[in-house]
Every structure is written in C-alpha cells, then in structure tokens.
Amino acid sequence: QVQLVESGGGLVQPGGSLRLSCAASGNIFSIYFMGWYRQAPGKQRELVATITSGGTTNYADSVKARFTISRDNAKNTVVLQMNSLKPEDTAVYYCNAALLTKMLARGEYWGQGTQVTVSS
C-alpha cells in the first residue's frame, strides 16, 4: 500500500506565492518520477511539472520561470514552489508518483488533491 499526502494549498492574491509539498509513504522500493498535475473546473487534468530521481525536470510552458519543482529522494518528498501566481493557476493540484513497490510491482499513484485559488 502506498500513500501520497499533499499539503500547502490555499488562497493567494495574484502575484503571490504558494509552496506545495507531497510525501510518499508505504510499501515503496524506489520512485522513478514524481510530479504535479492540476485540474481546473470543466477542464482536463494537465501536467504542471515532473522530476526524475536524477533531478531532471520538465515543466508545462504555462508555468516555466514561475514554478520550481524539487525533490528529496531520501524522504520521498516533492515540493512545488509557485511564484507569480495568476488567476488561471487556480485548480486542484495533484501529486503523482511512478514507483516500484517492495513487491517489485510498478505502479502510478495519486494524492487526494489540494485546492489552489488565486484571486483578489
């Protein structure tokens, strides 16, 4: 059993910052990718940023230069630092992990989601 627990969402004014954290725990042997996705009302879930165990990052064009993803492999955590937030960043943000369990089964897991609202 694997759990991803997110924290750090909330309400912020345009131009402000928020920091999202996600901790993975449970029957984990190793994690390949960790990342963040988001889903706004009436829209499909979209990739925000991902990071490999080696530190290679990938960002959606809409968040480049504003968001930074980082990871602590020893603690199985991933952080998304969001700066210069815009109203269009409003969405539920989901943590994602592609991993290998201790039973050597590959799987993809999701957190429960955390709401980010950017509004004045």
C-alpha atoms as a PDB file:
ATOM      1  CA  GLN A   1       0.000   0.000   0.000  1.00  0.00           C
ATOM      2  CA  VAL A   2       1.275   3.439  -0.999  1.00  0.00           C
ATOM      3  CA  GLN A   3       0.026   6.833   0.139  1.00  0.00           C
ATOM      4  CA  LEU A   4       0.724  10.292  -1.238  1.00  0.00           C
ATOM      5  CA  VAL A   5      -0.201  13.131   1.101  1.00  0.00           C
ATOM      6  CA  GLU A   6      -0.221  16.717  -0.138  1.00  0.00           C
ATOM      7  CA  SER A   7      -0.174  19.946   1.799  1.00  0.00           C
ATOM      8  CA  GLY A   8       0.216  23.655   1.198  1.00  0.00           C
ATOM      9  CA  GLY A   9      -2.713  24.726  -0.925  1.00  0.00           C
ATOM     10  CA  GLY A  10      -4.859  27.749  -0.189  1.00  0.00           C
ATOM     11  CA  LEU A  11      -5.996  31.175  -1.297  1.00  0.00           C
ATOM     12  CA  VAL A  12      -3.472  33.702  -2.558  1.00  0.00           C
ATOM     13  CA  GLN A  13      -3.651  37.010  -4.381  1.00  0.00           C
ATOM     14  CA  PRO A  14      -2.381  37.370  -7.956  1.00  0.00           C
ATOM     15  CA  GLY A  15       1.379  37.772  -7.934  1.00  0.00           C
ATOM     16  CA  GLY A  16       1.706  35.849  -4.697  1.00  0.00           C
ATOM     17  CA  SER A  17       3.429  32.581  -3.880  1.00  0.00           C
ATOM     18  CA  LEU A  18       2.492  29.182  -2.524  1.00  0.00           C
ATOM     19  CA  ARG A  19       4.509  26.079  -1.733  1.00  0.00           C
ATOM     20  CA  LEU A  20       3.005  22.632  -2.212  1.00  0.00           C
ATOM     21  CA  SER A  21       4.521  19.562  -0.580  1.00  0.00           C
ATOM     22  CA  CYS A  22       3.853  15.878  -1.121  1.00  0.00           C
ATOM     23  CA  ALA A  23       5.156  12.960   0.909  1.00  0.00           C
ATOM     24  CA  ALA A  24       5.033   9.394  -0.358  1.00  0.00           C
ATOM     25  CA  SER A  25       4.976   6.569   2.156  1.00  0.00           C
ATOM     26  CA  GLY A  26       4.230   2.882   2.436  1.00  0.00           C
ATOM     27  CA  ASN A  27       5.436  -0.129   0.517  1.00  0.00           C
ATOM     28  CA  ILE A  28       7.956   1.750  -1.655  1.00  0.00           C
ATOM     29  CA  PHE A  29      11.193   0.364  -3.050  1.00  0.00           C
ATOM     30  CA  SER A  30      12.091   3.209  -5.374  1.00  0.00           C
ATOM     31  CA  ILE A  31      10.388   6.147  -7.094  1.00  0.00           C
ATOM     32  CA  TYR A  32      11.128   6.935 -10.725  1.00  0.00           C
ATOM     33  CA  PHE A  33       9.111  10.083 -11.345  1.00  0.00           C
ATOM     34  CA  MET A  34       7.355  12.466  -9.001  1.00  0.00           C
ATOM     35  CA  GLY A  35       5.309  15.343 -10.188  1.00  0.00           C
ATOM     36  CA  TRP A  36       2.359  17.655 -10.004  1.00  0.00           C
ATOM     37  CA  TYR A  37      -0.738  17.834 -12.157  1.00  0.00           C
ATOM     38  CA  ARG A  38      -3.698  20.162 -11.902  1.00  0.00           C
ATOM     39  CA  GLN A  39      -7.334  20.196 -12.884  1.00  0.00           C
ATOM     40  CA  ALA A  40      -9.410  23.337 -13.186  1.00  0.00           C
ATOM     41  CA  PRO A  41     -13.228  23.212 -13.211  1.00  0.00           C
ATOM     42  CA  GLY A  42     -14.510  21.971 -16.534  1.00  0.00           C
ATOM     43  CA  LYS A  43     -11.041  21.136 -17.809  1.00  0.00           C
ATOM     44  CA  GLN A  44      -8.942  18.018 -18.137  1.00  0.00           C
ATOM     45  CA  ARG A  45      -6.157  17.234 -15.737  1.00  0.00           C
ATOM     46  CA  GLU A  46      -2.876  18.614 -17.058  1.00  0.00           C
ATOM     47  CA  LEU A  47       0.787  18.211 -16.273  1.00  0.00           C
ATOM     48  CA  VAL A  48       2.398  21.000 -14.277  1.00  0.00           C
ATOM     49  CA  ALA A  49       5.893  19.678 -13.564  1.00  0.00           C
ATOM     50  CA  THR A  50       7.762  16.424 -13.081  1.00  0.00           C
ATOM     51  CA  ILE A  51      11.147  15.436 -11.713  1.00  0.00           C
ATOM     52  CA  THR A  52      13.102  12.207 -12.026  1.00  0.00           C
ATOM     53  CA  SER A  53      15.134  10.537  -9.315  1.00  0.00           C
ATOM     54  CA  GLY A  54      18.187  12.014 -11.001  1.00  0.00           C
ATOM     55  CA  GLY A  55      16.807  15.538 -10.817  1.00  0.00           C
ATOM     56  CA  THR A  56      15.763  16.052 -14.434  1.00  0.00           C
ATOM     57  CA  THR A  57      12.780  18.369 -14.546  1.00  0.00           C
ATOM     58  CA  ASN A  58      10.001  19.042 -17.016  1.00  0.00           C
ATOM     59  CA  TYR A  59       7.538  21.931 -16.888  1.00  0.00           C
ATOM     60  CA  ALA A  60       4.394  22.931 -18.684  1.00  0.00           C
ATOM     61  CA  ASP A  61       5.047  26.002 -20.826  1.00  0.00           C
ATOM     62  CA  SER A  62       2.455  27.945 -18.846  1.00  0.00           C
ATOM     63  CA  VAL A  63       4.429  27.659 -15.593  1.00  0.00           C
ATOM     64  CA  LYS A  64       8.041  27.839 -16.787  1.00  0.00           C
ATOM     65  CA  ALA A  65      10.083  30.507 -14.995  1.00  0.00           C
ATOM     66  CA  ARG A  66       7.380  30.823 -12.323  1.00  0.00           C
ATOM     67  CA  PHE A  67       7.220  27.355 -10.741  1.00  0.00           C
ATOM     68  CA  THR A  68      10.079  25.235  -9.423  1.00  0.00           C
ATOM     69  CA  ILE A  69       9.882  21.542  -8.615  1.00  0.00           C
ATOM     70  CA  SER A  70      12.339  19.868  -6.262  1.00  0.00           C
ATOM     71  CA  ARG A  71      12.663  16.502  -4.642  1.00  0.00           C
ATOM     72  CA  ASP A  72      14.235  14.789  -1.648  1.00  0.00           C
ATOM     73  CA  ASN A  73      14.857  11.186  -2.636  1.00  0.00           C
ATOM     74  CA  ALA A  74      15.794  10.124   0.882  1.00  0.00           C
ATOM     75  CA  LYS A  75      12.469  11.348   2.260  1.00  0.00           C
ATOM     76  CA  ASN A  76      10.336  10.504  -0.794  1.00  0.00           C
ATOM     77  CA  THR A  77       9.041  14.054  -0.939  1.00  0.00           C
ATOM     78  CA  VAL A  78       8.440  16.503  -3.741  1.00  0.00           C
ATOM     79  CA  VAL A  79       7.876  20.240  -3.467  1.00  0.00           C
ATOM     80  CA  LEU A  80       6.371  22.681  -5.935  1.00  0.00           C
ATOM     81  CA  GLN A  81       7.303  26.303  -5.323  1.00  0.00           C
ATOM     82  CA  MET A  82       4.831  28.518  -7.153  1.00  0.00           C
ATOM     83  CA  ASN A  83       5.662  32.200  -7.660  1.00  0.00           C
ATOM     84  CA  SER A  84       3.981  34.998  -9.583  1.00  0.00           C
ATOM     85  CA  LEU A  85       0.696  33.166  -9.384  1.00  0.00           C
ATOM     86  CA  LYS A  86      -2.069  34.057 -11.819  1.00  0.00           C
ATOM     87  CA  PRO A  87      -5.841  33.533 -11.636  1.00  0.00           C
ATOM     88  CA  GLU A  88      -5.506  30.918 -14.369  1.00  0.00           C
ATOM     89  CA  ASP A  89      -3.365  28.823 -11.994  1.00  0.00           C
ATOM     90  CA  THR A  90      -6.487  28.186  -9.934  1.00  0.00           C
ATOM     91  CA  ALA A  91      -7.089  24.442  -9.822  1.00  0.00           C
ATOM     92  CA  VAL A  92      -6.906  21.334  -7.700  1.00  0.00           C
ATOM     93  CA  TYR A  93      -3.285  20.228  -7.672  1.00  0.00           C
ATOM     94  CA  TYR A  94      -2.485  16.536  -7.513  1.00  0.00           C
ATOM     95  CA  CYS A  95       0.762  14.858  -6.549  1.00  0.00           C
ATOM     96  CA  ASN A  96       1.799  11.918  -8.717  1.00  0.00           C
ATOM     97  CA  ALA A  97       4.439   9.233  -8.346  1.00  0.00           C
ATOM     98  CA  ALA A  98       5.564   6.425 -10.634  1.00  0.00           C
ATOM     99  CA  LEU A  99       7.304   3.856  -8.489  1.00  0.00           C
ATOM    100  CA  LEU A 100       8.368   0.312  -7.765  1.00  0.00           C
ATOM    101  CA  THR A 101       6.952  -1.306  -4.648  1.00  0.00           C
ATOM    102  CA  LYS A 102       8.856  -3.608  -2.333  1.00  0.00           C
ATOM    103  CA  MET A 103       6.964  -6.436  -4.018  1.00  0.00           C
ATOM    104  CA  LEU A 104       8.650  -5.265  -7.252  1.00  0.00           C
ATOM    105  CA  ALA A 105       5.389  -4.147  -8.783  1.00  0.00           C
ATOM    106  CA  ARG A 106       5.371  -0.974 -10.862  1.00  0.00           C
ATOM    107  CA  GLY A 107       2.556   1.441 -10.330  1.00  0.00           C
ATOM    108  CA  GLU A 108       1.362   5.010 -10.578  1.00  0.00           C
ATOM    109  CA  TYR A 109      -0.169   6.674  -7.555  1.00  0.00           C
ATOM    110  CA  TRP A 110      -2.038   9.911  -6.910  1.00  0.00           C
ATOM    111  CA  GLY A 111      -2.602  12.110  -3.926  1.00  0.00           C
ATOM    112  CA  GLN A 112      -6.030  13.318  -2.869  1.00  0.00           C
ATOM    113  CA  GLY A 113      -5.502  16.794  -4.314  1.00  0.00           C
ATOM    114  CA  THR A 114      -5.117  20.224  -2.767  1.00  0.00           C
ATOM    115  CA  GLN A 115      -7.005  23.348  -3.833  1.00  0.00           C
ATOM    116  CA  VAL A 116      -5.088  26.378  -5.049  1.00  0.00           C
ATOM    117  CA  THR A 117      -7.125  29.531  -5.595  1.00  0.00           C
ATOM    118  CA  VAL A 118      -5.588  32.707  -6.993  1.00  0.00           C
ATOM    119  CA  SER A 119      -7.936  35.621  -6.574  1.00  0.00           C
ATOM    120  CA  SER A 120      -8.023  39.185  -5.349  1.00  0.00           C
END
